[in-house]
N, C-alpha and C. Protein backbone atom coordinates (compact mmCIF):
# COMPACT_ATOMS: atom_id res chain seq x y z
N MET A 1 -44.79 107.05 -88.37
CA MET A 1 -44.06 108.28 -88.09
C MET A 1 -43.67 108.26 -86.62
N SER A 2 -42.47 108.65 -86.37
CA SER A 2 -42.04 108.71 -84.98
C SER A 2 -42.45 110.05 -84.37
N GLU A 3 -42.09 110.20 -83.13
CA GLU A 3 -42.43 111.43 -82.43
C GLU A 3 -41.65 112.60 -83.03
N ILE A 4 -42.26 113.75 -82.97
CA ILE A 4 -41.65 114.97 -83.49
C ILE A 4 -41.21 115.82 -82.31
N LYS A 5 -40.01 116.35 -82.38
CA LYS A 5 -39.55 117.28 -81.35
C LYS A 5 -40.19 118.63 -81.65
N ILE A 6 -41.00 119.10 -80.71
CA ILE A 6 -41.70 120.37 -80.89
C ILE A 6 -40.90 121.47 -80.19
N THR A 7 -40.70 122.55 -80.91
CA THR A 7 -40.02 123.73 -80.37
C THR A 7 -40.89 124.95 -80.65
N LYS A 8 -40.51 126.08 -80.09
CA LYS A 8 -41.29 127.29 -80.38
C LYS A 8 -41.22 127.63 -81.87
N ASN A 9 -40.15 127.19 -82.55
CA ASN A 9 -39.99 127.49 -83.98
C ASN A 9 -40.92 126.68 -84.87
N ASN A 10 -41.28 125.45 -84.46
CA ASN A 10 -42.14 124.64 -85.33
C ASN A 10 -43.52 124.39 -84.73
N PHE A 11 -43.81 124.97 -83.57
CA PHE A 11 -45.09 124.74 -82.90
C PHE A 11 -46.27 125.12 -83.78
N GLN A 12 -46.22 126.28 -84.39
CA GLN A 12 -47.32 126.75 -85.25
C GLN A 12 -47.59 125.75 -86.38
N SER A 13 -46.55 125.37 -87.11
CA SER A 13 -46.75 124.50 -88.26
C SER A 13 -47.08 123.06 -87.87
N GLU A 14 -46.42 122.53 -86.85
CA GLU A 14 -46.61 121.12 -86.49
C GLU A 14 -47.85 120.87 -85.63
N VAL A 15 -48.22 121.84 -84.81
CA VAL A 15 -49.33 121.62 -83.87
C VAL A 15 -50.57 122.43 -84.26
N LEU A 16 -50.45 123.73 -84.27
CA LEU A 16 -51.64 124.57 -84.51
C LEU A 16 -52.21 124.42 -85.91
N ASN A 17 -51.35 124.22 -86.90
CA ASN A 17 -51.81 124.10 -88.28
C ASN A 17 -51.96 122.65 -88.75
N SER A 18 -51.88 121.71 -87.84
CA SER A 18 -51.95 120.30 -88.22
C SER A 18 -53.35 119.93 -88.72
N ASP A 19 -53.38 119.08 -89.76
CA ASP A 19 -54.65 118.61 -90.32
C ASP A 19 -55.25 117.49 -89.47
N ILE A 20 -54.44 116.88 -88.61
CA ILE A 20 -54.91 115.79 -87.76
C ILE A 20 -54.65 116.17 -86.29
N PRO A 21 -55.36 115.52 -85.36
CA PRO A 21 -55.13 115.83 -83.95
C PRO A 21 -53.66 115.60 -83.56
N VAL A 22 -53.20 116.35 -82.57
CA VAL A 22 -51.81 116.25 -82.12
C VAL A 22 -51.79 115.92 -80.63
N LEU A 23 -51.04 114.87 -80.29
CA LEU A 23 -50.77 114.54 -78.90
C LEU A 23 -49.46 115.22 -78.56
N VAL A 24 -49.45 116.07 -77.56
CA VAL A 24 -48.25 116.79 -77.16
C VAL A 24 -47.86 116.32 -75.77
N ASP A 25 -46.66 115.78 -75.66
CA ASP A 25 -46.13 115.26 -74.40
C ASP A 25 -45.10 116.24 -73.85
N PHE A 26 -45.42 116.88 -72.72
CA PHE A 26 -44.46 117.75 -72.03
C PHE A 26 -43.68 116.86 -71.06
N TRP A 27 -42.36 116.86 -71.18
CA TRP A 27 -41.52 115.94 -70.43
C TRP A 27 -40.17 116.57 -70.09
N ALA A 28 -39.38 115.84 -69.29
CA ALA A 28 -37.99 116.22 -69.01
C ALA A 28 -37.19 114.93 -68.77
N SER A 29 -35.92 114.97 -69.09
CA SER A 29 -35.08 113.77 -68.98
C SER A 29 -34.91 113.32 -67.52
N TRP A 30 -35.00 114.22 -66.56
CA TRP A 30 -34.81 113.89 -65.15
C TRP A 30 -36.08 113.38 -64.47
N CYS A 31 -37.18 113.35 -65.19
CA CYS A 31 -38.50 113.00 -64.64
C CYS A 31 -38.76 111.50 -64.78
N GLY A 32 -38.81 110.80 -63.65
CA GLY A 32 -39.05 109.36 -63.65
C GLY A 32 -40.35 108.96 -64.33
N PRO A 33 -41.49 109.55 -63.95
CA PRO A 33 -42.75 109.20 -64.62
C PRO A 33 -42.72 109.50 -66.13
N CYS A 34 -41.98 110.54 -66.52
CA CYS A 34 -41.84 110.86 -67.96
C CYS A 34 -41.13 109.72 -68.68
N ARG A 35 -40.08 109.19 -68.05
CA ARG A 35 -39.33 108.08 -68.66
C ARG A 35 -40.20 106.82 -68.72
N MET A 36 -41.07 106.63 -67.74
CA MET A 36 -41.99 105.49 -67.76
C MET A 36 -43.03 105.64 -68.87
N LEU A 37 -43.45 106.86 -69.12
CA LEU A 37 -44.47 107.13 -70.13
C LEU A 37 -43.91 107.11 -71.56
N ALA A 38 -42.62 107.40 -71.69
CA ALA A 38 -42.00 107.53 -73.02
C ALA A 38 -42.25 106.35 -73.95
N PRO A 39 -42.08 105.09 -73.51
CA PRO A 39 -42.33 103.98 -74.46
C PRO A 39 -43.79 103.89 -74.89
N ILE A 40 -44.70 104.29 -74.02
CA ILE A 40 -46.13 104.28 -74.38
C ILE A 40 -46.40 105.33 -75.45
N ILE A 41 -45.83 106.51 -75.27
CA ILE A 41 -46.00 107.58 -76.26
C ILE A 41 -45.42 107.15 -77.60
N GLU A 42 -44.27 106.49 -77.57
CA GLU A 42 -43.64 106.01 -78.80
C GLU A 42 -44.51 104.95 -79.49
N GLU A 43 -45.09 104.04 -78.71
CA GLU A 43 -46.00 103.04 -79.27
C GLU A 43 -47.19 103.69 -79.96
N ILE A 44 -47.76 104.68 -79.29
CA ILE A 44 -48.91 105.39 -79.85
C ILE A 44 -48.52 106.07 -81.16
N ALA A 45 -47.34 106.69 -81.19
CA ALA A 45 -46.87 107.36 -82.42
C ALA A 45 -46.78 106.37 -83.57
N ASN A 46 -46.31 105.17 -83.30
CA ASN A 46 -46.17 104.16 -84.36
C ASN A 46 -47.51 103.55 -84.75
N GLU A 47 -48.34 103.23 -83.77
CA GLU A 47 -49.61 102.55 -84.05
C GLU A 47 -50.66 103.46 -84.69
N TYR A 48 -50.62 104.73 -84.37
CA TYR A 48 -51.65 105.65 -84.87
C TYR A 48 -51.09 106.60 -85.92
N ASN A 49 -50.00 106.20 -86.56
CA ASN A 49 -49.36 106.99 -87.60
C ASN A 49 -50.38 107.36 -88.68
N GLY A 50 -50.46 108.65 -88.98
CA GLY A 50 -51.39 109.12 -89.99
C GLY A 50 -52.75 109.51 -89.43
N LYS A 51 -53.05 109.04 -88.22
CA LYS A 51 -54.33 109.36 -87.59
C LYS A 51 -54.17 110.43 -86.52
N ILE A 52 -53.01 110.40 -85.86
CA ILE A 52 -52.69 111.40 -84.85
C ILE A 52 -51.20 111.68 -84.93
N LYS A 53 -50.84 112.93 -84.76
CA LYS A 53 -49.43 113.32 -84.75
C LYS A 53 -48.98 113.35 -83.29
N VAL A 54 -47.77 112.88 -83.04
CA VAL A 54 -47.25 112.85 -81.68
C VAL A 54 -46.02 113.74 -81.58
N GLY A 55 -46.09 114.72 -80.70
CA GLY A 55 -44.98 115.64 -80.49
C GLY A 55 -44.54 115.64 -79.05
N LYS A 56 -43.25 115.88 -78.85
CA LYS A 56 -42.69 115.94 -77.50
C LYS A 56 -42.07 117.31 -77.28
N ILE A 57 -42.35 117.89 -76.12
CA ILE A 57 -41.79 119.19 -75.75
C ILE A 57 -40.99 119.00 -74.46
N ASN A 58 -39.70 119.22 -74.56
CA ASN A 58 -38.83 119.16 -73.39
C ASN A 58 -39.00 120.46 -72.62
N VAL A 59 -39.52 120.37 -71.39
CA VAL A 59 -39.84 121.58 -70.63
C VAL A 59 -38.59 122.39 -70.25
N ASP A 60 -37.44 121.72 -70.17
CA ASP A 60 -36.21 122.44 -69.84
C ASP A 60 -35.69 123.23 -71.03
N GLU A 61 -35.93 122.74 -72.23
CA GLU A 61 -35.46 123.41 -73.44
C GLU A 61 -36.47 124.42 -73.98
N GLU A 62 -37.73 124.21 -73.68
CA GLU A 62 -38.80 125.04 -74.23
C GLU A 62 -39.64 125.67 -73.11
N GLU A 63 -38.96 126.47 -72.30
CA GLU A 63 -39.64 127.10 -71.16
C GLU A 63 -40.79 128.00 -71.59
N GLU A 64 -40.62 128.66 -72.72
CA GLU A 64 -41.66 129.58 -73.21
C GLU A 64 -42.95 128.83 -73.55
N LEU A 65 -42.83 127.69 -74.24
CA LEU A 65 -44.01 126.89 -74.56
C LEU A 65 -44.64 126.33 -73.29
N SER A 66 -43.81 125.89 -72.37
CA SER A 66 -44.32 125.35 -71.10
C SER A 66 -45.11 126.42 -70.35
N ALA A 67 -44.60 127.64 -70.35
CA ALA A 67 -45.29 128.74 -69.68
C ALA A 67 -46.60 129.09 -70.38
N THR A 68 -46.59 129.04 -71.71
CA THR A 68 -47.79 129.33 -72.49
C THR A 68 -48.95 128.43 -72.07
N PHE A 69 -48.63 127.16 -71.79
CA PHE A 69 -49.66 126.19 -71.43
C PHE A 69 -49.76 125.97 -69.92
N ASN A 70 -49.08 126.83 -69.14
CA ASN A 70 -49.11 126.73 -67.68
C ASN A 70 -48.78 125.34 -67.17
N ILE A 71 -47.74 124.74 -67.73
CA ILE A 71 -47.33 123.40 -67.32
C ILE A 71 -46.63 123.51 -65.97
N MET A 72 -47.24 122.93 -64.96
CA MET A 72 -46.70 122.96 -63.61
C MET A 72 -46.19 121.59 -63.17
N SER A 73 -46.72 120.53 -63.76
CA SER A 73 -46.33 119.16 -63.43
C SER A 73 -46.09 118.41 -64.73
N ILE A 74 -45.15 117.48 -64.66
CA ILE A 74 -44.89 116.62 -65.82
C ILE A 74 -44.85 115.18 -65.36
N PRO A 75 -45.17 114.25 -66.23
CA PRO A 75 -45.59 114.47 -67.62
C PRO A 75 -47.00 115.05 -67.70
N THR A 76 -47.16 115.92 -68.67
CA THR A 76 -48.48 116.43 -69.04
C THR A 76 -48.68 116.12 -70.51
N VAL A 77 -49.81 115.52 -70.84
CA VAL A 77 -50.16 115.21 -72.22
C VAL A 77 -51.37 116.06 -72.59
N LEU A 78 -51.24 116.78 -73.69
CA LEU A 78 -52.36 117.56 -74.23
C LEU A 78 -52.76 116.97 -75.57
N ILE A 79 -54.04 116.96 -75.86
CA ILE A 79 -54.53 116.63 -77.19
C ILE A 79 -55.03 117.94 -77.78
N ILE A 80 -54.42 118.34 -78.89
CA ILE A 80 -54.78 119.59 -79.55
C ILE A 80 -55.36 119.25 -80.92
N ASN A 81 -56.57 119.75 -81.15
CA ASN A 81 -57.25 119.50 -82.42
C ASN A 81 -57.72 120.83 -82.98
N LYS A 82 -57.33 121.11 -84.20
CA LYS A 82 -57.70 122.37 -84.86
C LYS A 82 -57.30 123.57 -84.02
N GLY A 83 -56.11 123.47 -83.39
CA GLY A 83 -55.55 124.60 -82.65
C GLY A 83 -56.08 124.76 -81.24
N LYS A 84 -56.97 123.87 -80.78
CA LYS A 84 -57.55 123.99 -79.45
C LYS A 84 -57.27 122.74 -78.61
N ILE A 85 -57.02 122.95 -77.31
CA ILE A 85 -56.83 121.82 -76.41
C ILE A 85 -58.20 121.17 -76.19
N VAL A 86 -58.29 119.88 -76.50
CA VAL A 86 -59.56 119.17 -76.36
C VAL A 86 -59.52 118.14 -75.23
N ALA A 87 -58.32 117.79 -74.77
CA ALA A 87 -58.17 116.85 -73.66
C ALA A 87 -56.78 117.01 -73.06
N ASN A 88 -56.67 116.62 -71.79
CA ASN A 88 -55.36 116.66 -71.15
C ASN A 88 -55.24 115.58 -70.10
N SER A 89 -54.01 115.29 -69.73
CA SER A 89 -53.73 114.27 -68.74
C SER A 89 -52.48 114.67 -67.98
N LEU A 90 -52.52 114.50 -66.66
CA LEU A 90 -51.38 114.83 -65.81
C LEU A 90 -50.84 113.55 -65.19
N GLY A 91 -49.53 113.41 -65.19
CA GLY A 91 -48.91 112.24 -64.56
C GLY A 91 -48.90 111.02 -65.46
N TYR A 92 -48.32 109.95 -64.94
CA TYR A 92 -48.24 108.70 -65.69
C TYR A 92 -49.63 108.11 -65.86
N LYS A 93 -49.93 107.67 -67.07
CA LYS A 93 -51.18 106.99 -67.36
C LYS A 93 -50.89 105.77 -68.23
N SER A 94 -51.80 104.82 -68.23
CA SER A 94 -51.65 103.63 -69.07
C SER A 94 -51.89 104.01 -70.53
N LYS A 95 -51.50 103.12 -71.41
CA LYS A 95 -51.72 103.35 -72.84
C LYS A 95 -53.21 103.53 -73.12
N ASN A 96 -54.05 102.68 -72.53
CA ASN A 96 -55.49 102.78 -72.76
C ASN A 96 -56.04 104.14 -72.32
N GLU A 97 -55.56 104.63 -71.19
CA GLU A 97 -56.03 105.93 -70.70
C GLU A 97 -55.62 107.06 -71.65
N ILE A 98 -54.42 106.98 -72.21
CA ILE A 98 -53.95 108.00 -73.17
C ILE A 98 -54.76 107.91 -74.46
N VAL A 99 -54.96 106.70 -74.96
CA VAL A 99 -55.72 106.52 -76.20
C VAL A 99 -57.14 107.05 -76.06
N LYS A 100 -57.76 106.86 -74.90
CA LYS A 100 -59.12 107.36 -74.68
C LYS A 100 -59.20 108.89 -74.84
N LEU A 101 -58.09 109.58 -74.63
CA LEU A 101 -58.09 111.03 -74.77
C LEU A 101 -58.37 111.48 -76.21
N PHE A 102 -57.94 110.66 -77.17
CA PHE A 102 -58.07 111.07 -78.57
C PHE A 102 -58.87 110.14 -79.46
N GLU A 103 -59.29 108.99 -78.98
CA GLU A 103 -59.89 108.00 -79.87
C GLU A 103 -61.15 108.48 -80.59
N LYS A 104 -61.89 109.40 -79.98
CA LYS A 104 -63.11 109.90 -80.62
C LYS A 104 -62.80 110.88 -81.74
N LEU A 105 -61.55 111.35 -81.80
CA LEU A 105 -61.18 112.34 -82.81
C LEU A 105 -60.65 111.71 -84.10
N ILE A 106 -60.33 110.42 -84.04
CA ILE A 106 -59.72 109.79 -85.22
C ILE A 106 -60.67 108.86 -85.95
């Protein structure tokens, strides 16, 4: 499964009501570190398909969601499990560092 575009309209169903943990990537097209992280997030979406859901939230398009989570810096990655944030990461991180955020949940 590829990454899912998360919006305020599908946030409840795709993230909060998900049966599996969700990696949520807050990003923007103008953000250099976000562009560097994007291929890693895509790899994770493909490799962990069925074990973790991967969603992307564009902070410019979804200001309300960004405000809800007090996103001040991007990229920010949240791991949400059963509707609760269980891990987070700020800035560019390696694939191994991102995987460590959720590996105990799968």
